Amino acid sequence: MEKKQRERVKEKLEREEKYAKKNALDAEKKGIKKVINMEEQEEREGQVFKPIVLENPKRYQCPECETVSRTSLELHHYFNCPNKFKEAVE
């Protein structure tokens, strides 16, 4: 009986260790993605793109992700849009 309990405890510890390693790897990958996103942001800052101008009322649309602003040139892009960190210039 004790032998079975020890085996169960051992199996449980192995599962927990495997789970902890997986979580650590996932956290590391997320950290790497954040660094890559910050590098992308720095790379795209200062660059410009020309938005599509819509009339009545005057609004602006991103040519890539097709998001539309209210009235200003400040667009809110989708997370994967190549124009995300670029400045819109009419």
Protein backbone atom coordinates (compact mmCIF):
# COMPACT_ATOMS: atom_id res chain seq x y z
CA MET A 1 0.00 0.00 0.00
CA GLU A 2 2.77 2.46 0.91
CA LYS A 3 4.59 1.62 -2.29
CA LYS A 4 1.54 2.65 -4.36
CA GLN A 5 1.28 5.91 -2.44
CA ARG A 6 4.96 6.68 -3.04
CA GLU A 7 4.51 5.96 -6.75
CA ARG A 8 1.48 8.28 -6.90
CA VAL A 9 3.37 11.05 -5.11
CA LYS A 10 6.34 10.56 -7.44
CA GLU A 11 4.08 10.72 -10.51
CA LYS A 12 2.36 13.83 -9.16
CA LEU A 13 5.71 15.55 -8.57
CA GLU A 14 6.85 14.66 -12.09
CA ARG A 15 3.64 16.11 -13.57
CA GLU A 16 4.03 19.29 -11.51
CA GLU A 17 7.66 19.65 -12.56
CA LYS A 18 6.74 19.15 -16.23
CA TYR A 19 3.97 21.74 -15.88
CA ALA A 20 6.33 24.23 -14.20
CA LYS A 21 8.92 23.80 -16.97
CA LYS A 22 6.25 24.37 -19.63
CA ASN A 23 5.05 27.54 -17.88
CA ALA A 24 8.61 28.82 -17.59
CA LEU A 25 9.18 28.25 -21.32
CA ASP A 26 5.90 29.99 -22.18
CA ALA A 27 6.85 32.97 -20.01
CA GLU A 28 10.27 33.13 -21.67
CA LYS A 29 8.68 33.09 -25.14
CA LYS A 30 6.33 35.92 -24.16
CA GLY A 31 9.28 37.92 -22.89
CA ILE A 32 11.09 37.41 -26.18
CA LYS A 33 7.98 38.50 -28.11
CA LYS A 34 7.79 41.70 -26.04
CA VAL A 35 11.44 42.49 -26.88
CA ILE A 36 10.77 41.86 -30.58
CA ASN A 37 7.69 44.11 -30.47
CA MET A 38 9.68 46.90 -28.82
CA GLU A 39 12.38 46.55 -31.49
CA GLU A 40 9.70 46.75 -34.19
CA GLN A 41 8.26 49.84 -32.55
CA GLU A 42 11.64 51.57 -32.42
CA GLU A 43 12.29 50.58 -36.03
CA ARG A 44 8.95 52.00 -37.29
CA GLU A 45 8.88 55.16 -35.18
CA GLY A 46 9.60 58.22 -37.24
CA GLN A 47 8.42 56.53 -40.43
CA VAL A 48 5.31 57.83 -42.14
CA PHE A 49 2.50 56.46 -44.29
CA LYS A 50 -0.27 58.06 -46.33
CA PRO A 51 -3.77 57.16 -45.11
CA ILE A 52 -6.86 57.00 -47.32
CA VAL A 53 -8.94 60.17 -46.87
CA LEU A 54 -12.70 59.62 -46.53
CA GLU A 55 -15.16 62.50 -46.97
CA ASN A 56 -18.40 63.57 -45.25
CA PRO A 57 -17.23 63.88 -42.48
CA LYS A 58 -13.51 63.91 -43.12
CA ARG A 59 -11.93 60.76 -41.70
CA TYR A 60 -8.78 58.72 -42.31
CA GLN A 61 -8.37 55.02 -43.06
CA CYS A 62 -5.27 52.84 -42.83
CA PRO A 63 -4.57 51.24 -46.24
CA GLU A 64 -3.26 48.05 -44.58
CA CYS A 65 -5.63 47.13 -41.74
CA GLU A 66 -8.50 49.39 -42.90
CA THR A 67 -9.20 50.90 -39.46
CA VAL A 68 -10.93 54.30 -39.61
CA SER A 69 -10.24 57.30 -37.37
CA ARG A 70 -12.92 59.67 -36.09
CA THR A 71 -11.62 63.02 -37.31
CA SER A 72 -7.90 63.13 -36.50
CA LEU A 73 -4.87 61.57 -38.12
CA GLU A 74 -4.33 59.47 -35.00
CA LEU A 75 -5.29 55.95 -36.08
CA HIS A 76 -5.67 52.90 -33.86
CA HIS A 77 -4.32 49.96 -35.88
CA TYR A 78 -4.75 46.23 -35.44
CA PHE A 79 -1.92 44.64 -33.45
CA ASN A 80 -0.24 43.13 -36.54
CA CYS A 81 -0.57 46.12 -38.87
CA PRO A 82 2.73 47.19 -40.47
CA ASN A 83 1.68 50.85 -40.01
CA LYS A 84 1.05 50.46 -36.28
CA PHE A 85 3.93 52.61 -35.04
CA LYS A 86 4.19 54.85 -38.08
CA GLU A 87 2.87 58.40 -38.27
CA ALA A 88 0.02 59.19 -40.65
CA VAL A 89 0.70 62.13 -42.98
CA GLU A 90 -1.98 63.58 -45.25
